[in-house]
Amino acid sequence: MVSDSPYGDLERPPLREKALERALVGDGGLWREVRVVAETGSTNADLAARAADGAPEGAVLVTESQTAGRGRLGRPWEAPPRSGLMFSMLLRPPVPVPMLGWASLLTGVAVATAIRRMTAWSQAGEGFLRDSGDVAVDVRLKWPNDLLVGDRKLAGILVEKVDGGLVVGVGLNVGLREEELPVATATSLAIEGAPLTDRAPLLRAILRGFETWYREWTALDGDPQSSGLRPAYKELCATLGRRVRVELPGDERVEGTARDVDDTGRLVVSGPGGDIAISAGDVIHVR
């Protein structure tokens, strides 16, 4: 059990709000504030309430312990204190409504890219030296908003519409041990052998990477192709080329081969009756 003290588990150091704000908040940048709280029910719900009160785009809320986190379809997301990165971002993207679906996919690209880059370092002596280009954790994207290592879930993304914008929530397993996993199909960076115990550098890398993608995507009116977002997503997507079963609202299902992600972020599944573009659904990779 993790102690209530921030220093009760030295393998899980606390996040420091002031240090994160110094590193991320600046003139002209996307991030306007970074708040860290010890515990909350849901960072998405908290930030949605602040959005209704006029909170600015670029507000970030991070929690060390989330007691009522939700994934897709209302599934619970819980983890021991300081064992993961659980945070939400308030965005007001000035893009056409049909392009808003890319917000979730953009987040996946930013998180996956940051993890792949940060885990491509190996410890040597007293510091860290860049490895020979190998990726220590080969994280991939499962359409629309899960991050996988192999077939095990490393992280989830939840995007919700709020007053005049979006709240994008991320739950990433960092230091979870095998015996702490809520389900056997989950994993963590620690379990995958990543040389990371301090979550702060990883959070900084994710938010900086997200800002770069977001600036490019919004500057080009949400165009995922010219911004490079669609090619980047497809390169990292483990769903494409796989046989899938998609559970749709209303107890419907579609089976076929995931062939593409179209310009609006929909998954294109090729089945017996031809191509079907899916905007929302629970995707199962069929072995």
Protein backbone atom coordinates (compact mmCIF):
# COMPACT_ATOMS: atom_id res chain seq x y z
CA MET A 1 0.00 0.00 0.00
CA VAL A 2 1.23 3.49 -0.85
CA SER A 3 1.57 5.85 2.10
CA ASP A 4 -0.46 9.06 2.23
CA SER A 5 2.84 10.92 2.43
CA PRO A 6 4.17 12.17 -0.94
CA TYR A 7 7.43 10.47 -0.02
CA GLY A 8 5.94 7.18 1.18
CA ASP A 9 7.03 5.39 -1.99
CA LEU A 10 10.34 6.62 -3.37
CA GLU A 11 9.69 4.85 -6.68
CA ARG A 12 6.66 7.12 -7.14
CA PRO A 13 7.81 10.69 -6.53
CA PRO A 14 5.11 13.40 -6.45
CA LEU A 15 4.51 15.85 -9.24
CA ARG A 16 5.40 19.46 -8.44
CA GLU A 17 2.94 22.03 -9.71
CA LYS A 18 5.26 25.05 -9.65
CA ALA A 19 8.02 23.22 -11.52
CA LEU A 20 5.57 22.06 -14.20
CA GLU A 21 4.18 25.56 -14.63
CA ARG A 22 7.68 27.04 -14.93
CA ALA A 23 8.51 24.52 -17.64
CA LEU A 24 5.26 24.68 -19.61
CA VAL A 25 3.47 28.00 -19.10
CA GLY A 26 4.87 30.98 -20.97
CA ASP A 27 4.03 33.92 -23.17
CA GLY A 28 2.33 32.87 -26.37
CA GLY A 29 2.20 29.17 -25.52
CA LEU A 30 -0.88 26.96 -25.50
CA TRP A 31 -0.65 26.06 -21.82
CA ARG A 32 -2.07 28.74 -19.56
CA GLU A 33 -1.97 26.90 -16.25
CA VAL A 34 -1.03 23.49 -14.86
CA ARG A 35 -2.70 22.50 -11.60
CA VAL A 36 -1.81 19.39 -9.59
CA VAL A 37 -4.23 18.06 -6.97
CA ALA A 38 -3.68 15.19 -4.55
CA GLU A 39 -7.02 13.53 -5.27
CA THR A 40 -10.21 14.06 -7.21
CA GLY A 41 -13.09 12.09 -8.59
CA SER A 42 -12.45 12.93 -12.23
CA THR A 43 -10.17 15.51 -13.83
CA ASN A 44 -12.48 15.61 -16.84
CA ALA A 45 -15.51 16.45 -14.69
CA ASP A 46 -13.58 19.07 -12.72
CA LEU A 47 -12.24 20.76 -15.82
CA ALA A 48 -15.65 20.64 -17.52
CA ALA A 49 -17.09 22.54 -14.55
CA ARG A 50 -14.33 25.13 -14.84
CA ALA A 51 -14.97 25.43 -18.59
CA ALA A 52 -18.57 26.38 -17.83
CA ASP A 53 -17.19 29.15 -15.61
CA GLY A 54 -15.06 30.50 -18.45
CA ALA A 55 -11.70 28.80 -17.83
CA PRO A 56 -9.25 29.55 -20.66
CA GLU A 57 -8.11 27.17 -23.33
CA GLY A 58 -4.87 25.58 -22.24
CA ALA A 59 -5.87 24.83 -18.65
CA VAL A 60 -4.41 21.50 -17.50
CA LEU A 61 -5.53 19.59 -14.41
CA VAL A 62 -3.42 16.70 -13.10
CA THR A 63 -4.26 14.44 -10.19
CA GLU A 64 -2.12 12.07 -8.16
CA SER A 65 -5.15 9.89 -7.40
CA GLN A 66 -8.41 9.65 -9.32
CA THR A 67 -11.30 7.94 -7.55
CA ALA A 68 -14.02 8.10 -10.20
CA GLY A 69 -12.14 8.15 -13.48
CA ARG A 70 -14.01 6.96 -16.55
CA GLY A 71 -12.95 5.44 -19.81
CA ARG A 72 -14.98 4.80 -22.91
CA LEU A 73 -18.53 3.52 -22.36
CA GLY A 74 -18.32 4.66 -18.72
CA ARG A 75 -15.79 2.01 -17.75
CA PRO A 76 -13.95 2.80 -14.47
CA TRP A 77 -10.29 3.83 -14.50
CA GLU A 78 -8.55 3.59 -11.14
CA ALA A 79 -4.94 3.21 -10.02
CA PRO A 80 -2.88 3.58 -6.82
CA PRO A 81 -1.73 7.15 -6.02
CA ARG A 82 1.20 8.42 -8.11
CA SER A 83 1.33 5.23 -10.19
CA GLY A 84 0.16 6.91 -13.38
CA LEU A 85 -0.36 10.13 -15.26
CA MET A 86 -3.99 11.19 -14.99
CA PHE A 87 -4.70 14.59 -16.46
CA SER A 88 -7.16 16.60 -18.54
CA MET A 89 -6.72 19.49 -20.96
CA LEU A 90 -9.26 22.18 -21.87
CA LEU A 91 -9.26 22.98 -25.58
CA ARG A 92 -11.26 25.28 -27.80
CA PRO A 93 -10.05 24.24 -31.29
CA PRO A 94 -11.06 26.68 -34.05
CA VAL A 95 -11.70 23.96 -36.62
CA PRO A 96 -14.81 22.81 -38.50
CA VAL A 97 -17.08 20.55 -36.46
CA PRO A 98 -16.49 17.48 -38.68
CA MET A 99 -12.78 17.71 -37.85
CA LEU A 100 -13.23 17.64 -34.07
CA GLY A 101 -12.98 13.85 -34.02
CA TRP A 102 -9.27 14.28 -34.68
CA ALA A 103 -8.73 15.75 -31.20
CA SER A 104 -8.70 12.27 -29.68
CA LEU A 105 -6.48 10.85 -32.42
CA LEU A 106 -4.09 13.80 -32.13
CA THR A 107 -3.81 13.14 -28.39
CA GLY A 108 -2.97 9.52 -29.08
CA VAL A 109 -0.21 10.51 -31.47
CA ALA A 110 1.25 13.00 -28.98
CA VAL A 111 1.20 10.54 -26.06
CA ALA A 112 2.53 7.60 -28.07
CA THR A 113 5.30 9.66 -29.66
CA ALA A 114 6.40 11.05 -26.30
CA ILE A 115 6.49 7.58 -24.74
CA ARG A 116 8.45 6.11 -27.63
CA ARG A 117 10.96 8.95 -27.50
CA MET A 118 11.34 9.05 -23.73
CA THR A 119 11.75 5.28 -23.41
CA ALA A 120 14.43 5.23 -26.10
CA TRP A 121 16.90 6.28 -23.44
CA SER A 122 18.93 3.81 -21.43
CA GLN A 123 20.56 4.45 -18.10
CA ALA A 124 24.34 4.56 -18.16
CA GLY A 125 26.51 5.56 -15.24
CA GLU A 126 25.01 8.49 -13.38
CA GLY A 127 22.87 9.84 -16.19
CA PHE A 128 20.85 8.91 -19.23
CA LEU A 129 22.31 8.45 -22.68
CA ARG A 130 20.28 8.12 -25.84
CA ASP A 131 20.11 4.57 -27.04
CA SER A 132 20.92 3.53 -30.58
CA GLY A 133 17.47 4.52 -31.83
CA ASP A 134 15.70 1.45 -30.47
CA VAL A 135 12.33 2.05 -28.83
CA ALA A 136 12.21 0.54 -25.37
CA VAL A 137 8.40 0.49 -25.31
CA ASP A 138 6.79 -0.12 -28.70
CA VAL A 139 3.50 1.63 -27.98
CA ARG A 140 0.82 1.59 -30.67
CA LEU A 141 -2.61 3.13 -31.12
CA LYS A 142 -5.89 1.26 -31.14
CA TRP A 143 -8.64 3.21 -32.86
CA PRO A 144 -10.05 5.45 -31.61
CA ASN A 145 -8.42 6.19 -28.26
CA ASP A 146 -6.43 3.42 -26.59
CA LEU A 147 -2.67 2.95 -26.43
CA LEU A 148 -1.39 -0.61 -26.52
CA VAL A 149 1.82 -2.51 -26.01
CA GLY A 150 1.21 -5.74 -27.87
CA ASP A 151 -2.39 -6.56 -26.98
CA ARG A 152 -2.26 -5.00 -23.50
CA LYS A 153 -3.69 -1.57 -22.73
CA LEU A 154 -1.21 1.05 -21.54
CA ALA A 155 -3.39 4.17 -21.66
CA GLY A 156 -6.80 5.49 -22.52
CA ILE A 157 -8.11 8.81 -23.81
CA LEU A 158 -11.54 10.29 -23.16
CA VAL A 159 -12.77 13.37 -25.05
CA GLU A 160 -15.94 15.15 -23.92
CA LYS A 161 -17.70 18.20 -25.32
CA VAL A 162 -18.03 21.08 -22.88
CA ASP A 163 -19.18 24.67 -23.01
CA GLY A 164 -17.56 26.04 -26.15
CA GLY A 165 -14.85 23.41 -26.37
CA LEU A 166 -13.49 20.00 -25.47
CA VAL A 167 -12.02 18.39 -22.39
CA VAL A 168 -9.44 15.75 -23.28
CA GLY A 169 -8.53 13.31 -20.52
CA VAL A 170 -5.57 10.93 -20.47
CA GLY A 171 -4.95 8.02 -18.12
CA LEU A 172 -1.51 6.45 -18.55
CA ASN A 173 -0.16 3.58 -16.45
CA VAL A 174 3.41 4.46 -15.49
CA GLY A 175 4.53 2.72 -12.30
CA LEU A 176 1.81 0.12 -11.83
CA ARG A 177 3.15 -3.27 -10.78
CA GLU A 178 1.79 -6.53 -12.12
CA GLU A 179 -0.10 -7.32 -8.92
CA GLU A 180 -1.76 -3.87 -8.98
CA LEU A 181 -3.30 -4.19 -12.43
CA PRO A 182 -7.10 -4.05 -12.36
CA VAL A 183 -7.30 -6.48 -15.30
CA ALA A 184 -4.84 -8.88 -16.89
CA THR A 185 -5.19 -7.13 -20.26
CA ALA A 186 -3.58 -3.93 -18.90
CA THR A 187 0.10 -3.05 -18.61
CA SER A 188 2.33 -0.18 -17.49
CA LEU A 189 5.62 1.41 -18.47
CA ALA A 190 7.25 -0.21 -15.44
CA ILE A 191 6.02 -3.65 -16.44
CA GLU A 192 7.28 -3.07 -19.97
CA GLY A 193 10.75 -2.27 -18.64
CA ALA A 194 10.81 1.48 -19.32
CA PRO A 195 13.64 3.33 -17.53
CA LEU A 196 11.17 5.84 -16.08
CA THR A 197 10.13 6.39 -12.49
CA ASP A 198 9.74 10.18 -12.46
CA ARG A 199 6.52 11.10 -14.27
CA ALA A 200 7.30 14.81 -14.61
CA PRO A 201 9.63 14.58 -17.64
CA LEU A 202 7.12 12.35 -19.40
CA LEU A 203 4.24 14.75 -18.72
CA ARG A 204 6.32 17.67 -20.00
CA ALA A 205 7.17 15.72 -23.17
CA ILE A 206 3.52 14.80 -23.77
CA LEU A 207 2.24 18.36 -23.33
CA ARG A 208 5.00 19.88 -25.47
CA GLY A 209 4.40 17.31 -28.21
CA PHE A 210 0.67 17.86 -28.02
CA GLU A 211 1.10 21.61 -28.40
CA THR A 212 3.23 21.18 -31.52
CA TRP A 213 0.64 18.94 -33.19
CA TYR A 214 -2.28 21.07 -32.03
CA ARG A 215 -0.76 24.30 -33.35
CA GLU A 216 -0.14 22.76 -36.77
CA TRP A 217 -3.55 21.09 -36.95
CA THR A 218 -5.54 24.19 -35.96
CA ALA A 219 -3.43 26.51 -38.13
CA LEU A 220 -4.47 24.42 -41.12
CA ASP A 221 -8.17 24.55 -40.24
CA GLY A 222 -8.19 21.02 -38.87
CA ASP A 223 -6.84 19.40 -42.05
CA PRO A 224 -5.31 16.11 -40.86
CA GLN A 225 -3.52 15.39 -44.11
CA SER A 226 -1.65 18.64 -44.76
CA SER A 227 -0.80 18.93 -41.05
CA GLY A 228 0.79 15.47 -41.15
CA LEU A 229 -1.52 14.19 -38.44
CA ARG A 230 -3.31 11.53 -40.47
CA PRO A 231 -0.10 9.95 -41.83
CA ALA A 232 1.43 9.98 -38.32
CA TYR A 233 -1.66 8.36 -36.82
CA LYS A 234 -1.84 5.67 -39.49
CA GLU A 235 1.84 4.82 -39.02
CA LEU A 236 1.28 4.19 -35.30
CA CYS A 237 -2.15 2.55 -35.57
CA ALA A 238 -2.21 -1.15 -34.68
CA THR A 239 -5.84 -1.45 -35.79
CA LEU A 240 -5.18 -0.88 -39.48
CA GLY A 241 -4.72 -4.08 -41.44
CA ARG A 242 -6.31 -6.13 -38.64
CA ARG A 243 -9.45 -8.18 -38.67
CA VAL A 244 -11.81 -6.34 -36.31
CA ARG A 245 -15.22 -6.58 -34.75
CA VAL A 246 -16.81 -3.22 -33.95
CA GLU A 247 -19.61 -3.07 -31.40
CA LEU A 248 -21.92 -0.19 -32.37
CA PRO A 249 -24.64 1.61 -30.41
CA GLY A 250 -27.96 -0.23 -30.54
CA ASP A 251 -26.39 -3.71 -30.25
CA GLU A 252 -25.23 -3.64 -33.86
CA ARG A 253 -21.85 -4.90 -34.95
CA VAL A 254 -19.58 -4.70 -37.96
CA GLU A 255 -16.90 -7.26 -38.84
CA GLY A 256 -14.19 -6.95 -41.42
CA THR A 257 -10.71 -5.63 -42.04
CA ALA A 258 -9.75 -2.17 -40.79
CA ARG A 259 -8.55 -0.60 -44.02
CA ASP A 260 -8.13 3.13 -43.37
CA VAL A 261 -8.77 6.17 -41.20
CA ASP A 262 -10.56 8.75 -43.34
CA ASP A 263 -10.25 12.53 -43.43
CA THR A 264 -12.68 13.00 -40.54
CA GLY A 265 -11.01 10.37 -38.35
CA ARG A 266 -13.54 7.60 -38.99
CA LEU A 267 -12.37 3.98 -39.14
CA VAL A 268 -13.01 2.45 -42.55
CA VAL A 269 -13.84 -1.26 -42.27
CA SER A 270 -13.98 -3.41 -45.36
CA GLY A 271 -16.54 -6.20 -45.05
CA PRO A 272 -18.64 -8.47 -47.27
CA GLY A 273 -20.93 -5.57 -48.20
CA GLY A 274 -18.14 -3.12 -48.96
CA ASP A 275 -16.55 -0.31 -46.97
CA ILE A 276 -18.23 1.11 -43.86
CA ALA A 277 -16.96 4.32 -42.18
CA ILE A 278 -17.40 4.17 -38.40
CA SER A 279 -17.35 7.30 -36.27
CA ALA A 280 -17.86 5.65 -32.88
CA GLY A 281 -17.73 2.11 -31.60
CA ASP A 282 -15.92 -0.39 -29.40
CA VAL A 283 -13.24 -2.05 -31.52
CA ILE A 284 -12.08 -5.60 -30.81
CA HIS A 285 -8.96 -6.90 -32.55
CA VAL A 286 -9.85 -10.38 -33.73
CA ARG A 287 -7.05 -12.92 -33.58
